[in-house]
Each structure stands twice: as C-alpha cells, then as structure tokens.
C-alpha cells in the first residue's frame, strides 16, 4: 500500500500546500489506493521537502517524481491518450505552477496584511501548533523567500507575477470538462492543487480576488474537488 505524507489539511482542502494537494488529487483521480498521513515536520522527507510517498518500502520525494513513479508502477492510463502537444502544455503549466507557488506562499507568510488571518486560521484547526512555532516558521520562510528572490519584491510586484500566472490558467481552463477534454488528466490535478489552495482559503488576497472572479477556474476547481472528496 502506498502512503502519502504531506502537510495538514486546512479550510476544507486535504493539504494546505499546492504540491501535496496535487499528488493527493492525482492519486484519487487515477484510482490508486493509498493511505494519507499528515505531518508538520518535513525533516524526515527526501531533501527535507513534502510531499513524499513510501511505496513497498521505497521512499520517493518531489511531486512530479511521485506521479511518474505511480504512473509507471501501477500502469496508470490517466495521461495515456495525450498528444505530444498536450504533453508540452502540461510541462509548461507544471513549471508555471512552480512560479505561482512562491507567490501563494508569500501571500500567507510574508505579507503582513494577510499573515495574521492565515496564522489564526491554521492554529484554530491545528492547536498543537502555537504562535511561537508559527513565528519561527515565518522567519524560516522569510529566509527562503529572500534567497529564492520573491522576498525581495514589493507586494505589488510579487502579486503581479502570480496574477500573470493565474491569467494564463484562466485562458486555458475550459468552462466545462477538463483541460484536455471530458476526462481529467494529471494537469487538472496540478491546477487543482494550487487553485483550491487559493479559492477555499477565506483570506482576501489579490490572488483569491482574481480566482473568485473567474467562473471557469472556480467551476474547474469544484469539479476536481467533488471528484477527489466525493463532496
């Protein structure tokens, strides 16, 4: 049995990190049985990053590596019918979501207009984490943002990057169905991982304001959410 280790759920989504939620959604959409373990400490994870999986004693980290492993081992057909052009689209979207990740994270931990609501909402749902622990995490993330580069941007500059990414998603996600047709593929799981972590969070960041105004993004998120949660 495959076990997925990822960050805790929050505000109704199974993982409050886009990468963990992407893997969770992919496994659900692909019909792979798995156990989901929520952890706060990533020190035991490969490269110290969540999510990771343990599958028959093998430990695999990185969301894309996990998806490739599951696809090969379980002979998953979720992406089997994709054309070369569609696979290129998936690659471009995946890399763009890597960029969006930093802006999303910035909006929670770096922007002091929204950090208190994120902190208080998280602690309310996970009281084992206290305010001191959250402040340590905030300081750690500030270092990450500085070295990655997003931490050297003003809020307006940072959100401009994220809004540009979201605009592209709004242009490729259809009003009905999924990115490549009537059935979801891995790219839909990836988009859901990030859009759900914006849409379902009751924190009025510029990213959420944009997503809320895009009926196709909201509808796509709702379709994937229903498919992976049964709600």
Protein backbone atom coordinates (compact mmCIF):
# COMPACT_ATOMS: atom_id res chain seq x y z
CA UNK A 1 0.00 0.00 0.00
CA UNK A 2 1.29 3.44 -0.92
CA UNK A 3 1.41 6.02 1.87
CA UNK A 4 1.37 9.73 1.09
CA UNK A 5 3.00 12.05 3.64
CA UNK A 6 2.03 15.67 3.27
CA UNK A 7 1.19 18.83 5.17
CA UNK A 8 -2.08 19.08 7.13
CA UNK A 9 -5.46 19.90 5.70
CA UNK A 10 -6.86 23.40 6.07
CA UNK A 11 -10.07 25.22 5.18
CA UNK A 12 -11.58 22.11 3.63
CA UNK A 13 -8.72 21.02 1.37
CA UNK A 14 -6.77 17.82 2.00
CA UNK A 15 -3.38 19.57 2.07
CA UNK A 16 -2.68 23.27 2.53
CA UNK A 17 0.32 23.01 0.20
CA UNK A 18 -0.21 23.01 -3.55
CA UNK A 19 2.25 20.20 -4.24
CA UNK A 20 0.83 17.81 -1.68
CA UNK A 21 -2.71 18.52 -2.83
CA UNK A 22 -1.63 17.92 -6.44
CA UNK A 23 -0.34 14.45 -5.56
CA UNK A 24 -3.41 13.69 -3.45
CA UNK A 25 -5.72 14.69 -6.31
CA UNK A 26 -3.68 12.76 -8.87
CA UNK A 27 -3.80 9.54 -6.86
CA UNK A 28 -7.53 9.93 -6.33
CA UNK A 29 -8.26 10.70 -9.99
CA UNK A 30 -6.05 7.82 -11.14
CA UNK A 31 -7.69 5.35 -8.76
CA UNK A 32 -4.55 4.46 -6.80
CA UNK A 33 -5.34 3.18 -3.27
CA UNK A 34 -3.26 4.98 -0.66
CA UNK A 35 -3.05 5.99 2.97
CA UNK A 36 -2.74 9.71 3.67
CA UNK A 37 -0.62 10.76 6.64
CA UNK A 38 -0.47 14.42 7.61
CA UNK A 39 2.81 15.67 9.11
CA UNK A 40 4.13 19.04 10.21
CA UNK A 41 7.82 18.20 10.28
CA UNK A 42 9.48 17.69 6.90
CA UNK A 43 12.89 16.74 8.29
CA UNK A 44 12.37 13.04 7.50
CA UNK A 45 11.35 13.76 3.92
CA UNK A 46 13.72 13.43 0.95
CA UNK A 47 15.59 16.74 0.65
CA UNK A 48 13.55 17.93 3.65
CA UNK A 49 10.52 18.69 1.47
CA UNK A 50 6.94 17.48 1.46
CA UNK A 51 5.15 15.65 -0.05
CA UNK A 52 6.73 12.25 -0.27
CA UNK A 53 5.45 8.70 -0.51
CA UNK A 54 6.56 5.35 0.83
CA UNK A 55 5.58 2.56 -1.54
CA UNK A 56 6.54 -1.03 -0.70
CA UNK A 57 9.48 0.25 1.33
CA UNK A 58 10.67 2.70 -1.34
CA UNK A 59 10.68 6.39 -0.42
CA UNK A 60 10.05 8.88 -3.22
CA UNK A 61 10.00 12.66 -2.93
CA UNK A 62 9.04 15.52 -5.27
CA UNK A 63 5.51 15.70 -6.65
CA UNK A 64 6.47 15.12 -10.29
CA UNK A 65 8.71 12.18 -9.38
CA UNK A 66 5.92 10.68 -7.30
CA UNK A 67 3.47 10.99 -10.20
CA UNK A 68 5.97 9.43 -12.62
CA UNK A 69 6.63 6.58 -10.17
CA UNK A 70 2.93 5.85 -9.65
CA UNK A 71 2.21 6.06 -13.39
CA UNK A 72 4.92 3.53 -14.21
CA UNK A 73 4.44 1.14 -11.31
CA UNK A 74 0.66 0.96 -11.47
CA UNK A 75 0.45 1.32 -15.26
CA UNK A 76 -1.87 4.28 -14.99
CA UNK A 77 -3.65 5.42 -18.12
CA UNK A 78 -4.71 8.86 -16.92
CA UNK A 79 -2.37 10.58 -19.41
CA UNK A 80 -2.05 7.77 -21.95
CA UNK A 81 -4.16 9.42 -24.66
CA UNK A 82 -2.43 12.79 -24.58
CA UNK A 83 -0.85 14.09 -27.76
CA UNK A 84 2.72 15.44 -27.85
CA UNK A 85 1.30 18.96 -27.92
CA UNK A 86 -0.84 18.30 -24.87
CA UNK A 87 2.16 16.87 -23.03
CA UNK A 88 4.10 20.04 -23.83
CA UNK A 89 1.22 22.08 -22.43
CA UNK A 90 1.31 20.01 -19.26
CA UNK A 91 5.04 20.65 -18.91
CA UNK A 92 4.64 24.41 -19.34
CA UNK A 93 1.74 24.56 -16.87
CA UNK A 94 3.66 22.50 -14.31
CA UNK A 95 6.61 24.89 -14.45
CA UNK A 96 4.31 27.90 -14.23
CA UNK A 97 2.69 26.45 -11.12
CA UNK A 98 6.19 26.30 -9.62
CA UNK A 99 6.30 30.09 -10.04
CA UNK A 100 2.78 30.55 -8.66
CA UNK A 101 3.74 28.54 -5.57
CA UNK A 102 6.15 31.23 -4.37
CA UNK A 103 3.58 34.00 -4.72
CA UNK A 104 0.93 31.95 -2.92
CA UNK A 105 3.33 31.22 -0.09
CA UNK A 106 4.40 34.87 0.04
CA UNK A 107 0.75 35.90 0.44
CA UNK A 108 0.41 33.74 3.55
CA UNK A 109 3.73 34.16 5.32
CA UNK A 110 5.34 37.36 4.06
CA UNK A 111 2.51 39.83 3.53
CA UNK A 112 1.57 41.13 6.97
CA UNK A 113 -1.85 42.17 5.73
CA UNK A 114 -2.81 38.50 5.39
CA UNK A 115 -0.42 36.58 7.62
CA UNK A 116 -2.45 37.05 10.86
CA UNK A 117 -5.58 35.55 9.30
CA UNK A 118 -3.59 32.61 7.95
CA UNK A 119 -1.86 32.07 11.31
CA UNK A 120 -5.05 32.29 13.34
CA UNK A 121 -6.98 30.04 10.96
CA UNK A 122 -4.24 27.43 10.97
CA UNK A 123 -3.86 27.39 14.75
CA UNK A 124 -7.63 27.21 15.21
CA UNK A 125 -7.70 24.00 13.17
CA UNK A 126 -4.37 22.63 14.43
CA UNK A 127 -3.99 23.85 18.05
CA UNK A 128 -0.92 21.66 18.59
CA UNK A 129 0.96 24.41 16.74
CA UNK A 130 1.32 27.51 18.91
CA UNK A 131 2.01 31.12 17.95
CA UNK A 132 5.71 30.85 18.81
CA UNK A 133 6.10 27.90 16.48
CA UNK A 134 4.33 29.82 13.75
CA UNK A 135 6.63 32.80 14.18
CA UNK A 136 9.65 30.53 13.80
CA UNK A 137 8.17 29.16 10.59
CA UNK A 138 7.53 32.72 9.38
CA UNK A 139 11.17 33.64 9.97
CA UNK A 140 12.35 30.50 8.19
CA UNK A 141 10.14 31.25 5.21
CA UNK A 142 11.42 34.83 5.09
CA UNK A 143 14.90 33.41 4.51
CA UNK A 144 13.61 31.10 1.80
CA UNK A 145 11.88 33.97 0.01
CA UNK A 146 15.00 36.13 0.16
CA UNK A 147 17.24 33.51 -1.37
CA UNK A 148 14.65 32.44 -3.94
CA UNK A 149 14.11 36.08 -4.88
CA UNK A 150 10.39 36.66 -4.30
CA UNK A 151 11.16 38.07 -0.85
CA UNK A 152 12.98 40.99 -2.50
CA UNK A 153 9.84 42.06 -4.35
CA UNK A 154 7.30 44.56 -3.08
CA UNK A 155 3.85 43.04 -2.55
CA UNK A 156 2.54 44.65 -5.74
CA UNK A 157 5.47 43.24 -7.73
CA UNK A 158 5.03 39.78 -6.23
CA UNK A 159 1.30 39.67 -6.90
CA UNK A 160 1.82 40.87 -10.47
CA UNK A 161 3.78 37.66 -11.10
CA UNK A 162 1.11 35.46 -9.56
CA UNK A 163 -1.74 37.24 -11.32
CA UNK A 164 0.03 36.80 -14.65
CA UNK A 165 0.25 33.05 -13.96
CA UNK A 166 -3.42 32.91 -12.99
CA UNK A 167 -4.40 34.81 -16.13
CA UNK A 168 -2.78 32.12 -18.27
CA UNK A 169 -4.62 29.41 -16.33
CA UNK A 170 -7.88 31.29 -16.82
CA UNK A 171 -7.22 31.27 -20.57
CA UNK A 172 -6.56 27.53 -20.88
CA UNK A 173 -9.04 26.05 -18.40
CA UNK A 174 -12.36 25.40 -20.17
CA UNK A 175 -15.75 26.41 -18.88
CA UNK A 176 -16.81 22.77 -18.94
CA UNK A 177 -14.93 19.49 -18.71
CA UNK A 178 -11.20 19.47 -18.18
CA UNK A 179 -8.08 20.90 -19.78
CA UNK A 180 -7.72 18.15 -22.37
CA UNK A 181 -11.28 17.00 -22.79
CA UNK A 182 -14.07 15.26 -20.95
CA UNK A 183 -11.82 13.38 -18.53
CA UNK A 184 -9.31 14.84 -16.06
CA UNK A 185 -5.60 14.24 -16.55
CA UNK A 186 -2.57 14.95 -14.40
CA UNK A 187 -2.53 18.62 -15.34
CA UNK A 188 -6.02 19.04 -13.87
CA UNK A 189 -4.75 17.60 -10.59
CA UNK A 190 -1.87 20.06 -10.63
CA UNK A 191 -4.07 23.07 -11.32
CA UNK A 192 -6.49 21.98 -8.60
CA UNK A 193 -3.67 21.68 -6.06
CA UNK A 194 -2.93 25.37 -6.38
CA UNK A 195 -6.30 26.90 -7.26
CA UNK A 196 -8.06 25.08 -4.39
CA UNK A 197 -5.46 26.46 -2.00
CA UNK A 198 -6.44 29.94 -3.15
CA UNK A 199 -10.17 29.56 -3.66
CA UNK A 200 -11.09 27.73 -0.45
CA UNK A 201 -8.97 29.96 1.79
CA UNK A 202 -11.12 32.75 3.32
CA UNK A 203 -8.22 35.21 3.11
CA UNK A 204 -8.85 38.09 0.67
CA UNK A 205 -5.51 38.19 -1.11
CA UNK A 206 -5.26 39.62 -4.65
CA UNK A 207 -4.83 36.04 -5.86
CA UNK A 208 -8.16 34.99 -4.31
CA UNK A 209 -9.94 38.05 -5.70
CA UNK A 210 -8.78 37.09 -9.19
CA UNK A 211 -9.74 33.40 -8.88
CA UNK A 212 -13.14 34.24 -7.40
CA UNK A 213 -13.88 36.38 -10.48
CA UNK A 214 -13.05 33.59 -12.97
CA UNK A 215 -16.10 31.38 -13.32
CA UNK A 216 -14.22 28.75 -15.31
CA UNK A 217 -11.45 28.41 -12.72
CA UNK A 218 -13.98 28.15 -9.89
CA UNK A 219 -16.04 25.57 -11.79
CA UNK A 220 -12.96 23.51 -12.67
CA UNK A 221 -11.84 23.58 -9.04
CA UNK A 222 -15.30 22.48 -7.92
CA UNK A 223 -15.33 19.57 -10.41
CA UNK A 224 -11.98 18.23 -9.25
CA UNK A 225 -12.85 18.82 -5.60
CA UNK A 226 -16.04 16.81 -5.97
CA UNK A 227 -14.18 14.02 -7.78
CA UNK A 228 -11.47 13.64 -5.13
CA UNK A 229 -13.56 14.23 -2.00
CA UNK A 230 -16.93 12.81 -3.01
CA UNK A 231 -18.50 16.04 -1.79
